[in-house]
Amino acid sequence: MQTKETIKTLINDSIAAKQFMLEQIDIIEMIADKIVEAYKNGKKTIVCGNGGSASDALHFAAEMVVRFEKNRKALPSIALSENVATITAVGNDFGYDKSFSRQIEAFAQKGDIFIAISTSGNSPNVIKAVEYAKEIGVFTIGFTNSDGGKMRDMCDMCYLAPSKTTARAQECHILLIHILCKIIEEKLF
C-alpha cells in the first residue's frame, strides 16, 4: 500500500470511530454528570492506565487540576501513573498487578470517582484497582475498547470506544476526555 493510501485509510478509520461516538452521547453525558456530582460533593477523581492510557490518565488529571478552557478553581484529581517511585516500589514489593490498587488504598475515599483506562479492558493491575475501589465505595468508570473485556461488567459505568483497534480506541478516549473536561467546566463554573 502506498504511503498516501495508508494515511488516507487511517484518517478515515479514525473519522468512522469518532462518528460512531455520536451514538454514545447518553453514556458520555451520564459519565460527565457523575463526575460533576462527585466534585459538587467535595470528592475527587482518580485515574489510571498503562502505556498510552497512562498518558491519557495524566492528561485528564492535569486538565482537572490546572484548567481545560477556563481559568477556575483547581479540581482535585490524581493520576496513579504519575509517581514512578511508587509504581516501581509496589511492583517490587507486592507485584505489578497491585501497582494501582495499592494507591487506591492510599488515596481513595467513598464517593470518589475512579476512572480506569484499559484499551483491552483486561489489564490485571487496572482490574485489581477496580475491584478494590468498588469494595471501599468508590464509583468506578471504565474506558475500554468496543469489546470491553472484563471491565465491561465490573465497572459501575463503562465507555466502550467504538473500535477494537487500540489506536482508534485511544483516539476516542482522548476525545472523550476533552468532552468530559468541557462539560465539567461548564457545569461547575
N, C-alpha and C. Protein backbone atom coordinates (compact mmCIF):
# COMPACT_ATOMS: atom_id res chain seq x y z
N MET A 1 0.85 -1.18 0.00
CA MET A 1 0.00 0.00 0.00
C MET A 1 0.90 1.24 0.00
N GLN A 2 0.55 2.20 -0.80
CA GLN A 2 1.32 3.44 -0.84
C GLN A 2 1.10 4.25 0.43
N THR A 3 2.09 5.06 0.75
CA THR A 3 2.03 5.86 1.98
C THR A 3 0.79 6.74 2.02
N LYS A 4 0.48 7.41 0.92
CA LYS A 4 -0.70 8.29 0.91
C LYS A 4 -1.99 7.50 1.14
N GLU A 5 -2.07 6.31 0.58
CA GLU A 5 -3.26 5.47 0.79
C GLU A 5 -3.35 5.00 2.25
N THR A 6 -2.22 4.68 2.84
CA THR A 6 -2.19 4.28 4.25
C THR A 6 -2.68 5.43 5.13
N ILE A 7 -2.17 6.61 4.86
CA ILE A 7 -2.58 7.79 5.63
C ILE A 7 -4.07 8.03 5.48
N LYS A 8 -4.56 7.97 4.26
CA LYS A 8 -6.00 8.19 4.00
C LYS A 8 -6.85 7.15 4.72
N THR A 9 -6.43 5.91 4.69
CA THR A 9 -7.17 4.83 5.35
C THR A 9 -7.23 5.06 6.86
N LEU A 10 -6.09 5.41 7.45
CA LEU A 10 -6.05 5.63 8.90
C LEU A 10 -6.91 6.81 9.32
N ILE A 11 -6.88 7.88 8.55
CA ILE A 11 -7.72 9.04 8.86
C ILE A 11 -9.18 8.68 8.74
N ASN A 12 -9.55 7.97 7.69
CA ASN A 12 -10.96 7.57 7.52
C ASN A 12 -11.42 6.62 8.62
N ASP A 13 -10.54 5.70 9.06
CA ASP A 13 -10.88 4.81 10.17
C ASP A 13 -11.13 5.60 11.45
N SER A 14 -10.28 6.62 11.69
CA SER A 14 -10.44 7.46 12.87
C SER A 14 -11.75 8.25 12.81
N ILE A 15 -12.05 8.80 11.66
CA ILE A 15 -13.29 9.55 11.48
C ILE A 15 -14.50 8.64 11.72
N ALA A 16 -14.46 7.42 11.21
CA ALA A 16 -15.58 6.49 11.38
C ALA A 16 -15.81 6.16 12.85
N ALA A 17 -14.72 5.94 13.59
CA ALA A 17 -14.86 5.64 15.02
C ALA A 17 -15.47 6.83 15.76
N LYS A 18 -14.98 8.00 15.46
CA LYS A 18 -15.50 9.20 16.14
C LYS A 18 -16.93 9.49 15.72
N GLN A 19 -17.28 9.21 14.48
CA GLN A 19 -18.65 9.39 14.01
C GLN A 19 -19.60 8.51 14.83
N PHE A 20 -19.17 7.30 15.13
CA PHE A 20 -19.99 6.39 15.92
C PHE A 20 -20.17 6.90 17.35
N MET A 21 -19.24 7.72 17.83
CA MET A 21 -19.38 8.29 19.18
C MET A 21 -20.65 9.12 19.31
N LEU A 22 -21.17 9.62 18.19
CA LEU A 22 -22.42 10.37 18.24
C LEU A 22 -23.58 9.52 18.73
N GLU A 23 -23.45 8.20 18.60
CA GLU A 23 -24.49 7.29 19.10
C GLU A 23 -24.29 6.97 20.58
N GLN A 24 -23.23 7.50 21.18
CA GLN A 24 -22.91 7.21 22.57
C GLN A 24 -23.09 8.43 23.47
N ILE A 25 -23.82 9.40 23.00
CA ILE A 25 -23.98 10.65 23.75
C ILE A 25 -24.58 10.41 25.14
N ASP A 26 -25.52 9.49 25.27
CA ASP A 26 -26.16 9.25 26.56
C ASP A 26 -25.16 8.79 27.62
N ILE A 27 -24.31 7.82 27.29
CA ILE A 27 -23.34 7.32 28.28
C ILE A 27 -22.30 8.40 28.58
N ILE A 28 -21.90 9.16 27.58
CA ILE A 28 -20.94 10.24 27.81
C ILE A 28 -21.53 11.27 28.78
N GLU A 29 -22.79 11.63 28.56
CA GLU A 29 -23.45 12.59 29.44
C GLU A 29 -23.59 12.04 30.86
N MET A 30 -23.92 10.76 30.99
CA MET A 30 -24.05 10.15 32.32
C MET A 30 -22.71 10.15 33.06
N ILE A 31 -21.63 9.86 32.35
CA ILE A 31 -20.30 9.87 32.97
C ILE A 31 -19.97 11.29 33.44
N ALA A 32 -20.19 12.26 32.58
CA ALA A 32 -19.91 13.66 32.94
C ALA A 32 -20.72 14.07 34.17
N ASP A 33 -22.01 13.74 34.19
CA ASP A 33 -22.87 14.11 35.31
C ASP A 33 -22.40 13.47 36.61
N LYS A 34 -21.94 12.23 36.55
CA LYS A 34 -21.47 11.54 37.75
C LYS A 34 -20.22 12.21 38.30
N ILE A 35 -19.31 12.61 37.41
CA ILE A 35 -18.09 13.30 37.85
C ILE A 35 -18.44 14.67 38.44
N VAL A 36 -19.33 15.40 37.78
CA VAL A 36 -19.76 16.71 38.29
C VAL A 36 -20.38 16.56 39.67
N GLU A 37 -21.23 15.58 39.84
CA GLU A 37 -21.87 15.33 41.14
C GLU A 37 -20.82 15.06 42.22
N ALA A 38 -19.82 14.27 41.90
CA ALA A 38 -18.77 13.98 42.88
C ALA A 38 -18.02 15.25 43.27
N TYR A 39 -17.66 16.05 42.28
CA TYR A 39 -16.97 17.31 42.58
C TYR A 39 -17.85 18.24 43.42
N LYS A 40 -19.13 18.30 43.12
CA LYS A 40 -20.04 19.14 43.92
C LYS A 40 -20.10 18.67 45.37
N ASN A 41 -19.87 17.37 45.58
CA ASN A 41 -19.90 16.81 46.93
C ASN A 41 -18.52 16.81 47.59
N GLY A 42 -17.58 17.55 47.03
CA GLY A 42 -16.25 17.67 47.63
C GLY A 42 -15.35 16.46 47.44
N LYS A 43 -15.65 15.65 46.46
CA LYS A 43 -14.86 14.44 46.19
C LYS A 43 -13.83 14.71 45.10
N LYS A 44 -13.06 13.69 44.75
CA LYS A 44 -12.01 13.82 43.75
C LYS A 44 -12.13 12.73 42.70
N THR A 45 -11.36 12.91 41.63
CA THR A 45 -11.23 11.86 40.62
C THR A 45 -9.84 11.26 40.74
N ILE A 46 -9.77 9.97 40.52
CA ILE A 46 -8.52 9.22 40.49
C ILE A 46 -8.53 8.47 39.17
N VAL A 47 -7.42 8.52 38.45
CA VAL A 47 -7.38 7.97 37.09
C VAL A 47 -6.13 7.10 36.93
N CYS A 48 -6.26 5.99 36.19
CA CYS A 48 -5.08 5.18 35.90
C CYS A 48 -5.20 4.52 34.53
N GLY A 49 -4.06 4.06 34.06
CA GLY A 49 -3.96 3.30 32.82
C GLY A 49 -2.51 2.94 32.60
N ASN A 50 -2.27 2.03 31.68
CA ASN A 50 -0.91 1.60 31.33
C ASN A 50 -0.52 2.16 29.97
N GLY A 51 0.77 2.36 29.76
CA GLY A 51 1.26 2.80 28.45
C GLY A 51 0.63 4.10 28.01
N GLY A 52 0.06 4.12 26.80
CA GLY A 52 -0.60 5.32 26.29
C GLY A 52 -1.77 5.73 27.17
N SER A 53 -2.43 4.76 27.76
CA SER A 53 -3.55 5.08 28.66
C SER A 53 -3.06 5.75 29.94
N ALA A 54 -1.81 5.47 30.36
CA ALA A 54 -1.23 6.17 31.50
C ALA A 54 -1.08 7.65 31.16
N SER A 55 -0.68 7.91 29.91
CA SER A 55 -0.57 9.31 29.47
C SER A 55 -1.94 9.97 29.42
N ASP A 56 -2.95 9.24 28.99
CA ASP A 56 -4.31 9.78 28.98
C ASP A 56 -4.77 10.10 30.41
N ALA A 57 -4.42 9.23 31.36
CA ALA A 57 -4.77 9.48 32.76
C ALA A 57 -4.10 10.75 33.27
N LEU A 58 -2.82 10.91 32.94
CA LEU A 58 -2.10 12.12 33.32
C LEU A 58 -2.75 13.35 32.70
N HIS A 59 -3.14 13.23 31.44
CA HIS A 59 -3.76 14.34 30.72
C HIS A 59 -5.05 14.77 31.41
N PHE A 60 -5.92 13.81 31.72
CA PHE A 60 -7.19 14.14 32.39
C PHE A 60 -6.93 14.83 33.73
N ALA A 61 -6.06 14.25 34.55
CA ALA A 61 -5.79 14.82 35.87
C ALA A 61 -5.25 16.24 35.76
N ALA A 62 -4.35 16.46 34.80
CA ALA A 62 -3.80 17.80 34.62
C ALA A 62 -4.87 18.80 34.23
N GLU A 63 -5.78 18.41 33.35
CA GLU A 63 -6.88 19.30 32.94
C GLU A 63 -7.76 19.66 34.13
N MET A 64 -7.98 18.71 35.04
CA MET A 64 -8.81 18.97 36.21
C MET A 64 -8.09 19.89 37.20
N VAL A 65 -6.84 19.63 37.46
CA VAL A 65 -6.09 20.41 38.44
C VAL A 65 -5.77 21.81 37.93
N VAL A 66 -5.40 21.91 36.66
CA VAL A 66 -4.95 23.20 36.13
C VAL A 66 -6.09 23.95 35.47
N ARG A 67 -6.51 23.50 34.32
CA ARG A 67 -7.61 24.12 33.57
C ARG A 67 -7.77 23.38 32.27
N PHE A 68 -8.96 23.45 31.70
CA PHE A 68 -9.18 22.98 30.34
C PHE A 68 -9.26 24.21 29.45
N GLU A 69 -10.36 24.95 29.57
CA GLU A 69 -10.50 26.19 28.81
C GLU A 69 -10.69 27.41 29.70
N LYS A 70 -11.17 27.19 30.92
CA LYS A 70 -11.48 28.31 31.82
C LYS A 70 -10.45 28.42 32.93
N ASN A 71 -10.10 29.65 33.26
CA ASN A 71 -9.33 29.89 34.48
C ASN A 71 -10.33 29.78 35.62
N ARG A 72 -10.12 28.79 36.45
CA ARG A 72 -11.08 28.50 37.52
C ARG A 72 -10.38 27.82 38.67
N LYS A 73 -11.13 27.55 39.71
CA LYS A 73 -10.62 26.85 40.88
C LYS A 73 -10.10 25.46 40.46
N ALA A 74 -9.00 25.05 41.05
CA ALA A 74 -8.45 23.72 40.78
C ALA A 74 -9.40 22.64 41.30
N LEU A 75 -9.51 21.56 40.54
CA LEU A 75 -10.32 20.41 40.94
C LEU A 75 -9.38 19.26 41.31
N PRO A 76 -9.64 18.59 42.43
CA PRO A 76 -8.74 17.53 42.86
C PRO A 76 -8.81 16.29 41.96
N SER A 77 -7.67 15.92 41.42
CA SER A 77 -7.57 14.75 40.56
C SER A 77 -6.17 14.17 40.65
N ILE A 78 -6.09 12.86 40.76
CA ILE A 78 -4.81 12.16 40.90
C ILE A 78 -4.69 11.14 39.77
N ALA A 79 -3.57 11.18 39.06
CA ALA A 79 -3.25 10.14 38.07
C ALA A 79 -2.29 9.17 38.75
N LEU A 80 -2.68 7.93 38.84
CA LEU A 80 -1.88 6.94 39.57
C LEU A 80 -0.61 6.54 38.82
N SER A 81 -0.45 7.00 37.60
CA SER A 81 0.76 6.71 36.84
C SER A 81 1.82 7.78 37.02
N GLU A 82 1.56 8.80 37.83
CA GLU A 82 2.48 9.93 37.91
C GLU A 82 3.69 9.68 38.81
N ASN A 83 3.61 8.75 39.73
CA ASN A 83 4.71 8.55 40.68
C ASN A 83 5.45 7.25 40.37
N VAL A 84 6.53 7.38 39.62
CA VAL A 84 7.32 6.22 39.20
C VAL A 84 7.89 5.48 40.40
N ALA A 85 8.32 6.20 41.42
CA ALA A 85 8.88 5.54 42.61
C ALA A 85 7.84 4.64 43.27
N THR A 86 6.60 5.13 43.38
CA THR A 86 5.55 4.32 43.98
C THR A 86 5.24 3.09 43.12
N ILE A 87 5.09 3.29 41.83
CA ILE A 87 4.77 2.17 40.94
C ILE A 87 5.85 1.09 41.00
N THR A 88 7.11 1.50 40.96
CA THR A 88 8.19 0.50 40.97
C THR A 88 8.34 -0.14 42.35
N ALA A 89 8.10 0.61 43.42
CA ALA A 89 8.18 0.03 44.77
C ALA A 89 7.07 -1.01 44.96
N VAL A 90 5.85 -0.66 44.55
CA VAL A 90 4.75 -1.62 44.66
C VAL A 90 5.06 -2.85 43.81
N GLY A 91 5.54 -2.63 42.59
CA GLY A 91 5.88 -3.75 41.71
C GLY A 91 6.92 -4.66 42.33
N ASN A 92 7.92 -4.07 42.96
CA ASN A 92 8.99 -4.85 43.59
C ASN A 92 8.50 -5.58 44.84
N ASP A 93 7.74 -4.89 45.68
CA ASP A 93 7.36 -5.44 46.98
C ASP A 93 6.08 -6.29 46.95
N PHE A 94 5.15 -5.97 46.06
CA PHE A 94 3.86 -6.66 46.07
C PHE A 94 3.49 -7.28 44.72
N GLY A 95 4.16 -6.88 43.65
CA GLY A 95 3.84 -7.36 42.30
C GLY A 95 3.16 -6.26 41.51
N TYR A 96 3.49 -6.22 40.22
CA TYR A 96 2.97 -5.15 39.35
C TYR A 96 1.45 -5.12 39.30
N ASP A 97 0.81 -6.26 39.47
CA ASP A 97 -0.65 -6.28 39.40
C ASP A 97 -1.30 -5.48 40.52
N LYS A 98 -0.54 -5.09 41.53
CA LYS A 98 -1.08 -4.27 42.62
C LYS A 98 -0.61 -2.81 42.54
N SER A 99 -0.01 -2.44 41.41
CA SER A 99 0.56 -1.09 41.27
C SER A 99 -0.48 0.02 41.41
N PHE A 100 -1.72 -0.24 41.04
CA PHE A 100 -2.76 0.78 41.17
C PHE A 100 -3.66 0.53 42.38
N SER A 101 -3.95 -0.71 42.71
CA SER A 101 -4.84 -0.98 43.85
C SER A 101 -4.23 -0.51 45.16
N ARG A 102 -2.92 -0.60 45.27
CA ARG A 102 -2.25 -0.12 46.49
C ARG A 102 -2.43 1.40 46.62
N GLN A 103 -2.37 2.09 45.50
CA GLN A 103 -2.57 3.54 45.53
C GLN A 103 -4.04 3.90 45.78
N ILE A 104 -4.96 3.09 45.26
CA ILE A 104 -6.38 3.30 45.57
C ILE A 104 -6.57 3.19 47.08
N GLU A 105 -5.92 2.20 47.69
CA GLU A 105 -6.00 2.03 49.14
C GLU A 105 -5.50 3.28 49.86
N ALA A 106 -4.45 3.91 49.34
CA ALA A 106 -3.87 5.08 49.99
C ALA A 106 -4.67 6.37 49.78
N PHE A 107 -5.23 6.55 48.59
CA PHE A 107 -5.79 7.86 48.22
C PHE A 107 -7.30 7.92 48.09
N ALA A 108 -7.96 6.82 47.83
CA ALA A 108 -9.39 6.85 47.51
C ALA A 108 -10.26 6.82 48.76
N GLN A 109 -11.39 7.51 48.66
CA GLN A 109 -12.37 7.52 49.73
C GLN A 109 -13.75 7.29 49.12
N LYS A 110 -14.63 6.78 49.94
CA LYS A 110 -16.00 6.54 49.49
C LYS A 110 -16.56 7.81 48.84
N GLY A 111 -17.18 7.65 47.68
CA GLY A 111 -17.77 8.78 46.97
C GLY A 111 -16.87 9.36 45.90
N ASP A 112 -15.56 9.04 45.94
CA ASP A 112 -14.67 9.48 44.87
C ASP A 112 -15.03 8.77 43.57
N ILE A 113 -14.47 9.27 42.49
CA ILE A 113 -14.64 8.66 41.17
C ILE A 113 -13.30 8.07 40.75
N PHE A 114 -13.31 6.82 40.34
CA PHE A 114 -12.11 6.17 39.81
C PHE A 114 -12.33 5.88 38.33
N ILE A 115 -11.52 6.50 37.48
CA ILE A 115 -11.58 6.25 36.04
C ILE A 115 -10.45 5.30 35.69
N ALA A 116 -10.81 4.12 35.24
CA ALA A 116 -9.87 3.07 34.91
C ALA A 116 -9.80 2.94 33.39
N ILE A 117 -8.63 3.23 32.83
CA ILE A 117 -8.47 3.19 31.38
C ILE A 117 -7.65 1.96 31.00
N SER A 118 -8.28 1.07 30.25
CA SER A 118 -7.61 -0.13 29.73
C SER A 118 -8.22 -0.42 28.37
N THR A 119 -7.44 -0.22 27.34
CA THR A 119 -7.98 -0.40 25.99
C THR A 119 -8.57 -1.79 25.82
N SER A 120 -7.92 -2.80 26.36
CA SER A 120 -8.44 -4.17 26.24
C SER A 120 -9.55 -4.44 27.26
N GLY A 121 -9.53 -3.69 28.35
CA GLY A 121 -10.47 -3.97 29.44
C GLY A 121 -10.03 -5.13 30.30
N ASN A 122 -8.80 -5.62 30.08
CA ASN A 122 -8.33 -6.82 30.77
C ASN A 122 -6.99 -6.65 31.48
N SER A 123 -6.51 -5.44 31.65
CA SER A 123 -5.22 -5.23 32.31
C SER A 123 -5.31 -5.65 33.77
N PRO A 124 -4.51 -6.64 34.21
CA PRO A 124 -4.64 -7.15 35.59
C PRO A 124 -4.49 -6.08 36.66
N ASN A 125 -3.56 -5.14 36.51
CA ASN A 125 -3.37 -4.13 37.54
C ASN A 125 -4.54 -3.14 37.59
N VAL A 126 -5.15 -2.86 36.46
CA VAL A 126 -6.32 -1.97 36.41
C VAL A 126 -7.53 -2.70 37.00
N ILE A 127 -7.68 -3.97 36.66
CA ILE A 127 -8.80 -4.78 37.19
C ILE A 127 -8.74 -4.86 38.72
N LYS A 128 -7.55 -5.12 39.26
CA LYS A 128 -7.42 -5.19 40.73
C LYS A 128 -7.77 -3.85 41.37
N ALA A 129 -7.41 -2.76 40.72
CA ALA A 129 -7.74 -1.44 41.25
C ALA A 129 -9.25 -1.21 41.23
N VAL A 130 -9.91 -1.62 40.15
CA VAL A 130 -11.37 -1.50 40.07
C VAL A 130 -12.02 -2.32 41.19
N GLU A 131 -11.55 -3.54 41.37
CA GLU A 131 -12.12 -4.40 42.41
C GLU A 131 -11.98 -3.75 43.80
N TYR A 132 -10.81 -3.23 44.10
CA TYR A 132 -10.59 -2.62 45.42
C TYR A 132 -11.42 -1.34 45.58
N ALA A 133 -11.45 -0.54 44.52
CA ALA A 133 -12.23 0.70 44.57
C ALA A 133 -13.69 0.41 44.88
N LYS A 134 -14.25 -0.59 44.23
CA LYS A 134 -15.65 -0.95 44.46
C LYS A 134 -15.87 -1.42 45.90
N GLU A 135 -14.90 -2.15 46.43
CA GLU A 135 -15.00 -2.64 47.82
C GLU A 135 -15.15 -1.50 48.82
N ILE A 136 -14.49 -0.37 48.54
CA ILE A 136 -14.49 0.73 49.51
C ILE A 136 -15.49 1.84 49.16
N GLY A 137 -16.35 1.60 48.17
CA GLY A 137 -17.42 2.55 47.86
C GLY A 137 -17.03 3.66 46.90
N VAL A 138 -16.01 3.44 46.11
CA VAL A 138 -15.61 4.40 45.08
C VAL A 138 -16.38 4.06 43.81
N PHE A 139 -16.92 5.07 43.14
CA PHE A 139 -17.66 4.86 41.91
C PHE A 139 -16.66 4.64 40.77
N THR A 140 -16.82 3.55 40.03
CA THR A 140 -15.85 3.19 39.00
C THR A 140 -16.39 3.41 37.59
N ILE A 141 -15.54 4.03 36.77
CA ILE A 141 -15.86 4.29 35.37
C ILE A 141 -14.73 3.70 34.54
N GLY A 142 -15.06 2.83 33.61
CA GLY A 142 -14.06 2.24 32.74
C GLY A 142 -14.07 2.87 31.36
N PHE A 143 -12.90 3.01 30.78
CA PHE A 143 -12.74 3.38 29.37
C PHE A 143 -12.05 2.18 28.72
N THR A 144 -12.72 1.52 27.77
CA THR A 144 -12.17 0.34 27.11
C THR A 144 -12.40 0.42 25.60
N ASN A 145 -12.15 -0.69 24.92
CA ASN A 145 -12.47 -0.77 23.50
C ASN A 145 -13.90 -1.30 23.33
N SER A 146 -14.30 -1.58 22.10
CA SER A 146 -15.69 -1.97 21.84
C SER A 146 -16.07 -3.30 22.49
N ASP A 147 -15.12 -4.14 22.80
CA ASP A 147 -15.39 -5.41 23.46
C ASP A 147 -15.61 -5.21 24.96
N GLY A 148 -14.82 -4.36 25.56
CA GLY A 148 -14.96 -4.04 26.98
C GLY A 148 -14.19 -4.95 27.91
N GLY A 149 -13.83 -6.13 27.45
CA GLY A 149 -13.09 -7.06 28.29
C GLY A 149 -13.80 -7.30 29.61
N LYS A 150 -13.03 -7.65 30.62
CA LYS A 150 -13.58 -7.92 31.96
C LYS A 150 -14.18 -6.68 32.59
N MET A 151 -13.63 -5.51 32.26
CA MET A 151 -14.10 -4.27 32.88
C MET A 151 -15.53 -3.92 32.49
N ARG A 152 -15.97 -4.40 31.37
CA ARG A 152 -17.31 -4.07 30.87
C ARG A 152 -18.37 -4.33 31.93
N ASP A 153 -18.28 -5.46 32.60
CA ASP A 153 -19.29 -5.83 33.60
C ASP A 153 -18.87 -5.49 35.03
N MET A 154 -17.62 -5.09 35.23
CA MET A 154 -17.13 -4.79 36.57
C MET A 154 -17.40 -3.36 37.00
N CYS A 155 -17.23 -2.44 36.07
CA CYS A 155 -17.33 -1.01 36.40
C CYS A 155 -18.77 -0.58 36.57
N ASP A 156 -18.99 0.45 37.38
CA ASP A 156 -20.33 0.98 37.56
C ASP A 156 -20.86 1.57 36.25
N MET A 157 -19.95 2.20 35.49
CA MET A 157 -20.24 2.69 34.13
C MET A 157 -19.03 2.34 33.28
N CYS A 158 -19.28 2.03 32.02
CA CYS A 158 -18.16 1.70 31.16
C CYS A 158 -18.38 2.30 29.78
N TYR A 159 -17.40 3.11 29.35
CA TYR A 159 -17.43 3.67 28.00
C TYR A 159 -16.68 2.72 27.08
N LEU A 160 -17.37 2.21 26.08
CA LEU A 160 -16.79 1.30 25.10
C LEU A 160 -16.46 2.08 23.84
N ALA A 161 -15.17 2.37 23.63
CA ALA A 161 -14.76 3.08 22.42
C ALA A 161 -15.16 2.23 21.21
N PRO A 162 -15.71 2.84 20.18
CA PRO A 162 -16.27 2.09 19.06
C PRO A 162 -15.23 1.51 18.10
N SER A 163 -14.26 0.77 18.64
CA SER A 163 -13.26 0.10 17.80
C SER A 163 -12.51 -0.91 18.65
N LYS A 164 -12.09 -2.01 18.03
CA LYS A 164 -11.21 -2.97 18.70
C LYS A 164 -9.75 -2.66 18.42
N THR A 165 -9.49 -1.75 17.49
CA THR A 165 -8.12 -1.33 17.19
C THR A 165 -7.64 -0.40 18.28
N THR A 166 -6.52 -0.74 18.89
CA THR A 166 -6.00 0.03 20.03
C THR A 166 -5.88 1.51 19.71
N ALA A 167 -5.26 1.84 18.59
CA ALA A 167 -5.05 3.25 18.24
C ALA A 167 -6.37 4.00 18.11
N ARG A 168 -7.37 3.40 17.46
CA ARG A 168 -8.66 4.07 17.30
C ARG A 168 -9.35 4.22 18.64
N ALA A 169 -9.30 3.19 19.49
CA ALA A 169 -9.92 3.28 20.81
C ALA A 169 -9.26 4.39 21.63
N GLN A 170 -7.93 4.47 21.59
CA GLN A 170 -7.23 5.51 22.34
C GLN A 170 -7.58 6.90 21.82
N GLU A 171 -7.76 7.03 20.50
CA GLU A 171 -8.16 8.33 19.94
C GLU A 171 -9.54 8.72 20.45
N CYS A 172 -10.43 7.76 20.57
CA CYS A 172 -11.76 8.03 21.11
C CYS A 172 -11.68 8.38 22.59
N HIS A 173 -10.79 7.72 23.32
CA HIS A 173 -10.64 8.02 24.75
C HIS A 173 -10.17 9.46 24.95
N ILE A 174 -9.22 9.92 24.15
CA ILE A 174 -8.74 11.29 24.34
C ILE A 174 -9.83 12.29 23.96
N LEU A 175 -10.62 12.00 22.93
CA LEU A 175 -11.74 12.88 22.61
C LEU A 175 -12.75 12.87 23.75
N LEU A 176 -13.02 11.70 24.31
CA LEU A 176 -13.93 11.59 25.45
C LEU A 176 -13.41 12.44 26.63
N ILE A 177 -12.13 12.37 26.89
CA ILE A 177 -11.54 13.17 27.97
C ILE A 177 -11.77 14.65 27.72
N HIS A 178 -11.55 15.10 26.50
CA HIS A 178 -11.77 16.52 26.20
C HIS A 178 -13.24 16.91 26.32
N ILE A 179 -14.12 16.04 25.90
CA ILE A 179 -15.56 16.30 26.04
C ILE A 179 -15.92 16.40 27.53
N LEU A 180 -15.45 15.46 28.34
CA LEU A 180 -15.74 15.48 29.77
C LEU A 180 -15.20 16.75 30.42
N CYS A 181 -13.98 17.14 30.06
CA CYS A 181 -13.40 18.36 30.63
C CYS A 181 -14.26 19.58 30.32
N LYS A 182 -14.71 19.68 29.08
CA LYS A 182 -15.56 20.80 28.67
C LYS A 182 -16.86 20.82 29.49
N ILE A 183 -17.52 19.67 29.58
CA ILE A 183 -18.79 19.59 30.30
C ILE A 183 -18.59 19.89 31.79
N ILE A 184 -17.55 19.32 32.39
CA ILE A 184 -17.28 19.54 33.81
C ILE A 184 -17.07 21.02 34.09
N GLU A 185 -16.25 21.69 33.26
CA GLU A 185 -16.05 23.12 33.47
C GLU A 185 -17.33 23.92 33.27
N GLU A 186 -18.10 23.59 32.26
CA GLU A 186 -19.35 24.32 32.01
C GLU A 186 -20.33 24.16 33.17
N LYS A 187 -20.44 22.95 33.71
CA LYS A 187 -21.43 22.71 34.76
C LYS A 187 -20.99 23.21 36.14
N LEU A 188 -19.69 23.26 36.37
CA LEU A 188 -19.20 23.67 37.69
C LEU A 188 -18.83 25.14 37.75
N PHE A 189 -18.51 25.74 36.60
CA PHE A 189 -18.05 27.12 36.63
C PHE A 189 -18.78 27.97 35.61
